[in-house]
Amino acid sequence: MSQLIVISAVGTDRTGVVQDLSKVILSCGGNIEESRMTTLGSEFAMLLLVSGNWHTLSRLEQGLDKLCKDDKLTVSIRKTDAKPPEEDRMPYAVDVVALDQQGIVYNLADFFSSRDIEIADVATRSYAAAHTGAPMFAVQMAVNVPSSIHIAQLREEFLEVCDRLNLDAIIEPVKG
């Protein structure tokens, strides 16, 4: 019977870190079902959903311990279950761009959470604006909107909040 674990790993960014971790997973008989990997400052961060049988998972713990011995990688393992599908929710994409300011992610999360809208994925980045060099901040989110919410009203409320916070934003349905 297949089991699932979530592996989070953070370590010094270096060539080969993805290869090292994926080699341990493969050698233990695990399969990477989903992953997110990125460089954050001088660190490299990974989140992986790995499947395998109970023997695979126990071997993985030992293999990952060996990988962490040099103190350049910190790994956490957590058992999980498959997420049941939510049929009464509609997937939407949210894109926000603004001058960088504190609280952008919090204000977006607060807006969606107060309406029982699940945030499924978030990616943010800071960058310098073309021509002016002004500090900018971009957010891309995937959210799941309950079917009971009136979309036109949601869009209107969302854009009002974004206008008040001086955020340029769109919310649109994810098309198959």
N, C-alpha and C. Protein backbone atom coordinates (compact mmCIF):
# COMPACT_ATOMS: atom_id res chain seq x y z
N MET A 1 0.84 -1.19 0.00
CA MET A 1 0.00 0.00 0.00
C MET A 1 0.89 1.25 0.00
N SER A 2 0.58 2.17 -0.88
CA SER A 2 1.37 3.37 -1.01
C SER A 2 1.06 4.36 0.11
N GLN A 3 2.11 4.94 0.65
CA GLN A 3 1.98 5.96 1.68
C GLN A 3 2.62 7.23 1.16
N LEU A 4 2.26 8.36 1.77
CA LEU A 4 2.78 9.65 1.35
C LEU A 4 3.51 10.33 2.49
N ILE A 5 4.60 11.01 2.14
CA ILE A 5 5.28 11.87 3.10
C ILE A 5 5.61 13.18 2.41
N VAL A 6 5.71 14.20 3.24
CA VAL A 6 6.17 15.51 2.78
C VAL A 6 7.57 15.69 3.32
N ILE A 7 8.48 16.04 2.44
CA ILE A 7 9.86 16.32 2.83
C ILE A 7 10.10 17.80 2.60
N SER A 8 10.55 18.49 3.64
CA SER A 8 11.01 19.87 3.45
C SER A 8 12.50 19.87 3.71
N ALA A 9 13.23 20.53 2.85
CA ALA A 9 14.68 20.58 2.97
C ALA A 9 15.16 21.99 2.66
N VAL A 10 16.06 22.48 3.49
CA VAL A 10 16.66 23.80 3.28
C VAL A 10 18.15 23.65 3.50
N GLY A 11 18.93 24.20 2.59
CA GLY A 11 20.37 24.13 2.73
C GLY A 11 21.07 25.15 1.88
N THR A 12 22.36 25.22 2.06
CA THR A 12 23.17 26.14 1.28
C THR A 12 23.00 25.83 -0.20
N ASP A 13 22.74 26.87 -0.98
CA ASP A 13 22.56 26.69 -2.42
C ASP A 13 23.88 26.25 -3.04
N ARG A 14 23.83 25.15 -3.76
CA ARG A 14 25.03 24.64 -4.43
C ARG A 14 24.59 23.76 -5.58
N THR A 15 25.45 23.61 -6.55
CA THR A 15 25.19 22.71 -7.66
C THR A 15 25.10 21.28 -7.12
N GLY A 16 24.09 20.55 -7.52
CA GLY A 16 23.97 19.14 -7.14
C GLY A 16 23.06 18.86 -5.96
N VAL A 17 22.51 19.87 -5.30
CA VAL A 17 21.67 19.61 -4.13
C VAL A 17 20.38 18.87 -4.53
N VAL A 18 19.79 19.22 -5.66
CA VAL A 18 18.58 18.53 -6.12
C VAL A 18 18.93 17.10 -6.51
N GLN A 19 20.05 16.91 -7.17
CA GLN A 19 20.50 15.58 -7.57
C GLN A 19 20.74 14.71 -6.34
N ASP A 20 21.38 15.26 -5.32
CA ASP A 20 21.67 14.49 -4.10
C ASP A 20 20.38 14.01 -3.42
N LEU A 21 19.44 14.91 -3.27
CA LEU A 21 18.19 14.55 -2.58
C LEU A 21 17.36 13.59 -3.43
N SER A 22 17.25 13.84 -4.72
CA SER A 22 16.45 12.95 -5.57
C SER A 22 17.10 11.57 -5.69
N LYS A 23 18.41 11.50 -5.59
CA LYS A 23 19.12 10.21 -5.63
C LYS A 23 18.76 9.37 -4.40
N VAL A 24 18.72 10.00 -3.23
CA VAL A 24 18.34 9.29 -2.01
C VAL A 24 16.91 8.77 -2.13
N ILE A 25 16.02 9.61 -2.62
CA ILE A 25 14.61 9.21 -2.76
C ILE A 25 14.50 8.03 -3.72
N LEU A 26 15.16 8.10 -4.86
CA LEU A 26 15.12 7.03 -5.85
C LEU A 26 15.73 5.74 -5.31
N SER A 27 16.87 5.84 -4.65
CA SER A 27 17.55 4.64 -4.15
C SER A 27 16.76 3.94 -3.05
N CYS A 28 15.86 4.65 -2.40
CA CYS A 28 15.02 4.05 -1.36
C CYS A 28 13.70 3.54 -1.92
N GLY A 29 13.49 3.70 -3.23
CA GLY A 29 12.26 3.24 -3.85
C GLY A 29 11.13 4.24 -3.79
N GLY A 30 11.44 5.50 -3.47
CA GLY A 30 10.42 6.53 -3.40
C GLY A 30 10.17 7.17 -4.75
N ASN A 31 9.03 7.81 -4.87
CA ASN A 31 8.65 8.49 -6.10
C ASN A 31 8.20 9.91 -5.76
N ILE A 32 8.79 10.90 -6.43
CA ILE A 32 8.39 12.29 -6.20
C ILE A 32 7.09 12.54 -6.95
N GLU A 33 6.03 12.79 -6.20
CA GLU A 33 4.70 13.04 -6.79
C GLU A 33 4.53 14.51 -7.15
N GLU A 34 4.96 15.40 -6.26
CA GLU A 34 4.88 16.85 -6.47
C GLU A 34 6.08 17.47 -5.81
N SER A 35 6.50 18.63 -6.31
CA SER A 35 7.61 19.33 -5.66
C SER A 35 7.59 20.81 -5.99
N ARG A 36 8.18 21.57 -5.10
CA ARG A 36 8.46 22.98 -5.30
C ARG A 36 9.89 23.18 -4.83
N MET A 37 10.70 23.81 -5.63
CA MET A 37 12.10 24.04 -5.29
C MET A 37 12.49 25.43 -5.76
N THR A 38 13.25 26.15 -4.92
CA THR A 38 13.64 27.50 -5.28
C THR A 38 14.84 27.96 -4.47
N THR A 39 15.53 28.95 -4.98
CA THR A 39 16.61 29.60 -4.25
C THR A 39 16.02 30.78 -3.51
N LEU A 40 16.33 30.87 -2.23
CA LEU A 40 15.89 31.98 -1.38
C LEU A 40 17.14 32.56 -0.72
N GLY A 41 17.57 33.72 -1.16
CA GLY A 41 18.84 34.27 -0.69
C GLY A 41 19.95 33.32 -1.11
N SER A 42 20.80 32.92 -0.17
CA SER A 42 21.88 31.98 -0.49
C SER A 42 21.50 30.55 -0.12
N GLU A 43 20.22 30.33 0.18
CA GLU A 43 19.73 29.00 0.55
C GLU A 43 18.91 28.43 -0.59
N PHE A 44 18.82 27.11 -0.62
CA PHE A 44 17.97 26.41 -1.57
C PHE A 44 16.91 25.68 -0.76
N ALA A 45 15.64 25.86 -1.09
CA ALA A 45 14.55 25.25 -0.34
C ALA A 45 13.76 24.31 -1.23
N MET A 46 13.37 23.18 -0.66
CA MET A 46 12.61 22.18 -1.41
C MET A 46 11.44 21.68 -0.56
N LEU A 47 10.32 21.50 -1.20
CA LEU A 47 9.16 20.82 -0.63
C LEU A 47 8.79 19.72 -1.60
N LEU A 48 8.71 18.50 -1.10
CA LEU A 48 8.42 17.37 -1.98
C LEU A 48 7.35 16.48 -1.36
N LEU A 49 6.44 16.01 -2.18
CA LEU A 49 5.48 15.00 -1.78
C LEU A 49 6.00 13.70 -2.39
N VAL A 50 6.34 12.74 -1.53
CA VAL A 50 6.96 11.49 -1.96
C VAL A 50 6.07 10.32 -1.59
N SER A 51 5.92 9.39 -2.53
CA SER A 51 5.13 8.19 -2.26
C SER A 51 6.06 6.99 -2.17
N GLY A 52 5.59 6.00 -1.44
CA GLY A 52 6.33 4.75 -1.30
C GLY A 52 5.63 3.88 -0.28
N ASN A 53 6.12 2.65 -0.13
CA ASN A 53 5.54 1.77 0.90
C ASN A 53 6.20 2.06 2.25
N TRP A 54 5.77 1.38 3.29
CA TRP A 54 6.29 1.67 4.63
C TRP A 54 7.80 1.43 4.69
N HIS A 55 8.31 0.44 3.96
CA HIS A 55 9.73 0.14 3.97
C HIS A 55 10.52 1.28 3.30
N THR A 56 9.97 1.81 2.22
CA THR A 56 10.60 2.94 1.53
C THR A 56 10.76 4.11 2.48
N LEU A 57 9.71 4.40 3.23
CA LEU A 57 9.73 5.57 4.10
C LEU A 57 10.74 5.41 5.23
N SER A 58 10.87 4.23 5.79
CA SER A 58 11.85 4.05 6.86
C SER A 58 13.27 4.14 6.30
N ARG A 59 13.49 3.60 5.10
CA ARG A 59 14.81 3.72 4.46
C ARG A 59 15.12 5.18 4.12
N LEU A 60 14.09 5.93 3.73
CA LEU A 60 14.27 7.34 3.41
C LEU A 60 14.78 8.14 4.61
N GLU A 61 14.20 7.88 5.77
CA GLU A 61 14.64 8.59 6.98
C GLU A 61 16.13 8.38 7.21
N GLN A 62 16.59 7.15 7.06
CA GLN A 62 18.01 6.85 7.26
C GLN A 62 18.86 7.52 6.18
N GLY A 63 18.44 7.43 4.93
CA GLY A 63 19.19 8.03 3.83
C GLY A 63 19.28 9.54 3.94
N LEU A 64 18.20 10.17 4.37
CA LEU A 64 18.20 11.62 4.51
C LEU A 64 19.06 12.05 5.69
N ASP A 65 19.09 11.24 6.76
CA ASP A 65 19.97 11.55 7.90
C ASP A 65 21.43 11.61 7.44
N LYS A 66 21.83 10.67 6.60
CA LYS A 66 23.21 10.65 6.09
C LYS A 66 23.48 11.90 5.25
N LEU A 67 22.51 12.31 4.46
CA LEU A 67 22.66 13.48 3.60
C LEU A 67 22.83 14.76 4.42
N CYS A 68 22.27 14.78 5.63
CA CYS A 68 22.29 15.99 6.46
C CYS A 68 23.52 16.07 7.37
N LYS A 69 24.38 15.09 7.36
CA LYS A 69 25.51 15.05 8.30
C LYS A 69 26.45 16.24 8.19
N ASP A 70 26.60 16.81 7.02
CA ASP A 70 27.55 17.92 6.86
C ASP A 70 26.99 19.26 7.34
N ASP A 71 25.78 19.27 7.89
CA ASP A 71 25.12 20.47 8.42
C ASP A 71 24.84 21.54 7.37
N LYS A 72 24.90 21.18 6.10
CA LYS A 72 24.57 22.15 5.06
C LYS A 72 23.16 21.95 4.53
N LEU A 73 22.45 20.96 5.08
CA LEU A 73 21.09 20.67 4.68
C LEU A 73 20.28 20.26 5.90
N THR A 74 19.14 20.86 6.08
CA THR A 74 18.22 20.52 7.17
C THR A 74 16.96 19.94 6.54
N VAL A 75 16.58 18.74 6.98
CA VAL A 75 15.45 18.04 6.39
C VAL A 75 14.42 17.73 7.46
N SER A 76 13.16 17.88 7.10
CA SER A 76 12.04 17.52 7.97
C SER A 76 11.11 16.59 7.18
N ILE A 77 10.62 15.55 7.83
CA ILE A 77 9.73 14.59 7.19
C ILE A 77 8.41 14.56 7.97
N ARG A 78 7.33 14.51 7.22
CA ARG A 78 6.00 14.44 7.85
C ARG A 78 5.11 13.53 7.02
N LYS A 79 4.49 12.56 7.68
CA LYS A 79 3.55 11.68 6.99
C LYS A 79 2.28 12.47 6.69
N THR A 80 1.64 12.13 5.56
CA THR A 80 0.43 12.83 5.16
C THR A 80 -0.49 11.86 4.42
N ASP A 81 -1.67 12.33 4.11
CA ASP A 81 -2.64 11.58 3.32
C ASP A 81 -2.91 12.34 2.03
N ALA A 82 -3.45 11.66 1.06
CA ALA A 82 -3.87 12.32 -0.18
C ALA A 82 -4.98 13.30 0.16
N LYS A 83 -4.98 14.44 -0.51
CA LYS A 83 -6.01 15.44 -0.27
C LYS A 83 -7.27 15.05 -1.02
N PRO A 84 -8.39 14.97 -0.30
CA PRO A 84 -9.64 14.63 -0.99
C PRO A 84 -10.06 15.78 -1.90
N PRO A 85 -10.60 15.46 -3.07
CA PRO A 85 -11.04 16.52 -3.98
C PRO A 85 -12.22 17.29 -3.39
N GLU A 86 -12.21 18.60 -3.63
CA GLU A 86 -13.31 19.45 -3.16
C GLU A 86 -14.10 19.87 -4.39
N GLU A 87 -15.21 19.20 -4.58
CA GLU A 87 -16.00 19.42 -5.79
C GLU A 87 -16.77 20.73 -5.79
N ASP A 88 -16.95 21.33 -4.63
CA ASP A 88 -17.75 22.55 -4.58
C ASP A 88 -16.88 23.81 -4.63
N ARG A 89 -15.66 23.69 -5.15
CA ARG A 89 -14.76 24.85 -5.22
C ARG A 89 -14.29 25.07 -6.65
N MET A 90 -14.14 26.34 -7.02
CA MET A 90 -13.70 26.70 -8.36
C MET A 90 -12.29 27.28 -8.29
N PRO A 91 -11.38 26.80 -9.14
CA PRO A 91 -10.00 27.33 -9.10
C PRO A 91 -9.89 28.68 -9.80
N TYR A 92 -9.22 29.62 -9.11
CA TYR A 92 -8.97 30.95 -9.65
C TYR A 92 -7.50 31.29 -9.52
N ALA A 93 -7.00 32.10 -10.45
CA ALA A 93 -5.64 32.61 -10.40
C ALA A 93 -5.68 34.08 -10.01
N VAL A 94 -4.77 34.46 -9.13
CA VAL A 94 -4.67 35.84 -8.66
C VAL A 94 -3.26 36.34 -8.98
N ASP A 95 -3.18 37.49 -9.63
CA ASP A 95 -1.89 38.13 -9.92
C ASP A 95 -1.92 39.54 -9.36
N VAL A 96 -0.88 39.87 -8.60
CA VAL A 96 -0.79 41.18 -7.97
C VAL A 96 0.61 41.74 -8.23
N VAL A 97 0.68 43.02 -8.56
CA VAL A 97 1.95 43.73 -8.71
C VAL A 97 1.79 45.07 -8.00
N ALA A 98 2.84 45.47 -7.27
CA ALA A 98 2.77 46.74 -6.55
C ALA A 98 4.17 47.20 -6.19
N LEU A 99 4.26 48.48 -5.82
CA LEU A 99 5.49 48.93 -5.19
C LEU A 99 5.65 48.10 -3.91
N ASP A 100 6.86 47.68 -3.64
CA ASP A 100 7.09 46.83 -2.48
C ASP A 100 6.71 47.57 -1.20
N GLN A 101 5.92 46.92 -0.37
CA GLN A 101 5.48 47.48 0.91
C GLN A 101 5.17 46.32 1.85
N GLN A 102 5.30 46.58 3.12
CA GLN A 102 5.00 45.54 4.10
C GLN A 102 3.52 45.19 4.09
N GLY A 103 3.23 43.90 4.31
CA GLY A 103 1.86 43.48 4.53
C GLY A 103 1.08 43.04 3.31
N ILE A 104 1.69 43.01 2.14
CA ILE A 104 0.93 42.64 0.95
C ILE A 104 0.41 41.21 1.07
N VAL A 105 1.28 40.27 1.39
CA VAL A 105 0.85 38.87 1.50
C VAL A 105 -0.17 38.71 2.62
N TYR A 106 0.07 39.36 3.76
CA TYR A 106 -0.88 39.27 4.87
C TYR A 106 -2.26 39.78 4.45
N ASN A 107 -2.31 40.94 3.80
CA ASN A 107 -3.60 41.51 3.42
C ASN A 107 -4.35 40.63 2.42
N LEU A 108 -3.63 40.03 1.48
CA LEU A 108 -4.27 39.12 0.54
C LEU A 108 -4.78 37.87 1.27
N ALA A 109 -3.94 37.30 2.12
CA ALA A 109 -4.34 36.11 2.88
C ALA A 109 -5.54 36.40 3.77
N ASP A 110 -5.54 37.57 4.39
CA ASP A 110 -6.66 37.96 5.26
C ASP A 110 -7.94 38.08 4.45
N PHE A 111 -7.87 38.69 3.27
CA PHE A 111 -9.05 38.84 2.42
C PHE A 111 -9.64 37.47 2.08
N PHE A 112 -8.79 36.55 1.60
CA PHE A 112 -9.30 35.25 1.18
C PHE A 112 -9.75 34.39 2.37
N SER A 113 -8.99 34.41 3.43
CA SER A 113 -9.34 33.61 4.61
C SER A 113 -10.68 34.04 5.21
N SER A 114 -10.93 35.34 5.24
CA SER A 114 -12.18 35.83 5.83
C SER A 114 -13.41 35.41 5.01
N ARG A 115 -13.19 34.92 3.81
CA ARG A 115 -14.28 34.47 2.93
C ARG A 115 -14.27 32.97 2.71
N ASP A 116 -13.51 32.25 3.52
CA ASP A 116 -13.38 30.79 3.43
C ASP A 116 -12.89 30.35 2.05
N ILE A 117 -11.98 31.15 1.49
CA ILE A 117 -11.37 30.81 0.20
C ILE A 117 -10.00 30.23 0.49
N GLU A 118 -9.82 29.00 0.02
CA GLU A 118 -8.56 28.30 0.26
C GLU A 118 -7.46 28.83 -0.66
N ILE A 119 -6.30 29.11 -0.07
CA ILE A 119 -5.12 29.47 -0.86
C ILE A 119 -4.36 28.18 -1.09
N ALA A 120 -4.27 27.75 -2.35
CA ALA A 120 -3.63 26.48 -2.69
C ALA A 120 -2.15 26.64 -2.99
N ASP A 121 -1.75 27.81 -3.50
CA ASP A 121 -0.36 28.01 -3.89
C ASP A 121 -0.06 29.50 -3.90
N VAL A 122 1.15 29.86 -3.47
CA VAL A 122 1.58 31.25 -3.47
C VAL A 122 3.03 31.32 -3.95
N ALA A 123 3.31 32.25 -4.83
CA ALA A 123 4.69 32.54 -5.23
C ALA A 123 4.84 34.06 -5.22
N THR A 124 5.92 34.53 -4.61
CA THR A 124 6.18 35.97 -4.55
C THR A 124 7.61 36.24 -5.02
N ARG A 125 7.83 37.46 -5.45
CA ARG A 125 9.20 37.86 -5.77
C ARG A 125 9.31 39.38 -5.72
N SER A 126 10.50 39.81 -5.38
CA SER A 126 10.84 41.23 -5.39
C SER A 126 11.74 41.48 -6.59
N TYR A 127 11.62 42.65 -7.17
CA TYR A 127 12.46 42.99 -8.32
C TYR A 127 12.48 44.50 -8.48
N ALA A 128 13.43 44.98 -9.27
CA ALA A 128 13.52 46.41 -9.58
C ALA A 128 12.72 46.70 -10.84
N ALA A 129 11.92 47.76 -10.80
CA ALA A 129 11.10 48.14 -11.95
C ALA A 129 12.00 48.56 -13.11
N ALA A 130 11.56 48.22 -14.32
CA ALA A 130 12.27 48.66 -15.51
C ALA A 130 12.26 50.19 -15.57
N HIS A 131 13.29 50.78 -16.05
CA HIS A 131 13.46 52.22 -16.25
C HIS A 131 13.68 52.98 -14.95
N THR A 132 12.82 52.79 -13.92
CA THR A 132 12.95 53.60 -12.70
C THR A 132 13.77 52.92 -11.62
N GLY A 133 13.80 51.60 -11.62
CA GLY A 133 14.52 50.87 -10.57
C GLY A 133 13.76 50.81 -9.25
N ALA A 134 12.52 51.26 -9.23
CA ALA A 134 11.72 51.25 -8.01
C ALA A 134 11.55 49.81 -7.50
N PRO A 135 11.55 49.61 -6.18
CA PRO A 135 11.38 48.27 -5.63
C PRO A 135 9.94 47.78 -5.82
N MET A 136 9.79 46.67 -6.54
CA MET A 136 8.47 46.12 -6.86
C MET A 136 8.29 44.77 -6.17
N PHE A 137 7.02 44.37 -6.05
CA PHE A 137 6.69 43.09 -5.43
C PHE A 137 5.57 42.46 -6.25
N ALA A 138 5.72 41.19 -6.60
CA ALA A 138 4.71 40.48 -7.38
C ALA A 138 4.26 39.25 -6.61
N VAL A 139 2.97 38.95 -6.68
CA VAL A 139 2.37 37.79 -6.03
C VAL A 139 1.53 37.04 -7.06
N GLN A 140 1.73 35.74 -7.14
CA GLN A 140 0.84 34.88 -7.92
C GLN A 140 0.26 33.86 -6.95
N MET A 141 -1.05 33.73 -6.97
CA MET A 141 -1.75 32.79 -6.09
C MET A 141 -2.69 31.91 -6.89
N ALA A 142 -2.87 30.71 -6.38
CA ALA A 142 -3.94 29.84 -6.85
C ALA A 142 -4.88 29.71 -5.66
N VAL A 143 -6.14 30.05 -5.87
CA VAL A 143 -7.13 29.97 -4.79
C VAL A 143 -8.30 29.11 -5.25
N ASN A 144 -9.00 28.54 -4.28
CA ASN A 144 -10.18 27.71 -4.56
C ASN A 144 -11.39 28.37 -3.91
N VAL A 145 -12.27 28.86 -4.76
CA VAL A 145 -13.42 29.64 -4.32
C VAL A 145 -14.64 28.73 -4.15
N PRO A 146 -15.28 28.76 -2.97
CA PRO A 146 -16.50 27.97 -2.79
C PRO A 146 -17.57 28.37 -3.81
N SER A 147 -18.29 27.39 -4.31
CA SER A 147 -19.31 27.66 -5.33
C SER A 147 -20.45 28.53 -4.79
N SER A 148 -20.56 28.64 -3.47
CA SER A 148 -21.62 29.46 -2.88
C SER A 148 -21.32 30.96 -2.96
N ILE A 149 -20.09 31.32 -3.30
CA ILE A 149 -19.72 32.73 -3.37
C ILE A 149 -20.10 33.31 -4.74
N HIS A 150 -20.70 34.47 -4.72
CA HIS A 150 -21.08 35.17 -5.94
C HIS A 150 -19.81 35.80 -6.52
N ILE A 151 -19.40 35.35 -7.69
CA ILE A 151 -18.11 35.72 -8.27
C ILE A 151 -18.02 37.22 -8.56
N ALA A 152 -19.06 37.81 -9.10
CA ALA A 152 -19.01 39.25 -9.42
C ALA A 152 -18.80 40.07 -8.15
N GLN A 153 -19.47 39.70 -7.08
CA GLN A 153 -19.31 40.40 -5.81
C GLN A 153 -17.91 40.19 -5.25
N LEU A 154 -17.40 38.96 -5.34
CA LEU A 154 -16.04 38.67 -4.87
C LEU A 154 -15.03 39.52 -5.63
N ARG A 155 -15.15 39.54 -6.95
CA ARG A 155 -14.22 40.32 -7.78
C ARG A 155 -14.27 41.80 -7.40
N GLU A 156 -15.47 42.33 -7.21
CA GLU A 156 -15.63 43.73 -6.84
C GLU A 156 -14.97 44.03 -5.50
N GLU A 157 -15.22 43.19 -4.50
CA GLU A 157 -14.63 43.37 -3.16
C GLU A 157 -13.11 43.25 -3.22
N PHE A 158 -12.62 42.29 -4.00
CA PHE A 158 -11.19 42.09 -4.12
C PHE A 158 -10.52 43.31 -4.74
N LEU A 159 -11.09 43.81 -5.82
CA LEU A 159 -10.50 44.97 -6.48
C LEU A 159 -10.58 46.22 -5.61
N GLU A 160 -11.63 46.36 -4.80
CA GLU A 160 -11.73 47.49 -3.86
C GLU A 160 -10.60 47.43 -2.83
N VAL A 161 -10.35 46.25 -2.28
CA VAL A 161 -9.27 46.08 -1.31
C VAL A 161 -7.93 46.41 -1.97
N CYS A 162 -7.73 45.91 -3.18
CA CYS A 162 -6.47 46.15 -3.89
C CYS A 162 -6.30 47.63 -4.21
N ASP A 163 -7.37 48.31 -4.60
CA ASP A 163 -7.29 49.75 -4.86
C ASP A 163 -6.91 50.50 -3.58
N ARG A 164 -7.53 50.12 -2.46
CA ARG A 164 -7.24 50.77 -1.19
C ARG A 164 -5.77 50.59 -0.79
N LEU A 165 -5.20 49.41 -1.12
CA LEU A 165 -3.81 49.11 -0.76
C LEU A 165 -2.81 49.51 -1.86
N ASN A 166 -3.33 50.09 -2.94
CA ASN A 166 -2.52 50.50 -4.09
C ASN A 166 -1.82 49.30 -4.74
N LEU A 167 -2.59 48.23 -4.95
CA LEU A 167 -2.10 47.02 -5.61
C LEU A 167 -2.77 46.91 -6.97
N ASP A 168 -2.00 46.61 -8.00
CA ASP A 168 -2.56 46.33 -9.31
C ASP A 168 -2.82 44.83 -9.35
N ALA A 169 -4.08 44.43 -9.54
CA ALA A 169 -4.41 43.00 -9.39
C ALA A 169 -5.48 42.55 -10.36
N ILE A 170 -5.45 41.22 -10.61
CA ILE A 170 -6.51 40.57 -11.37
C ILE A 170 -6.83 39.26 -10.67
N ILE A 171 -8.08 38.83 -10.81
CA ILE A 171 -8.51 37.51 -10.36
C ILE A 171 -9.32 36.93 -11.50
N GLU A 172 -8.91 35.74 -11.94
CA GLU A 172 -9.60 35.15 -13.10
C GLU A 172 -9.66 33.63 -12.94
N PRO A 173 -10.68 33.02 -13.55
CA PRO A 173 -10.81 31.56 -13.44
C PRO A 173 -9.66 30.85 -14.14
N VAL A 174 -9.29 29.72 -13.59
CA VAL A 174 -8.28 28.88 -14.23
C VAL A 174 -9.01 28.05 -15.28
N LYS A 175 -8.53 28.14 -16.48
CA LYS A 175 -9.18 27.42 -17.58
C LYS A 175 -8.46 26.12 -17.81
N GLY A 176 -9.22 25.01 -17.81
CA GLY A 176 -8.74 23.64 -17.97
C GLY A 176 -7.50 23.54 -18.74
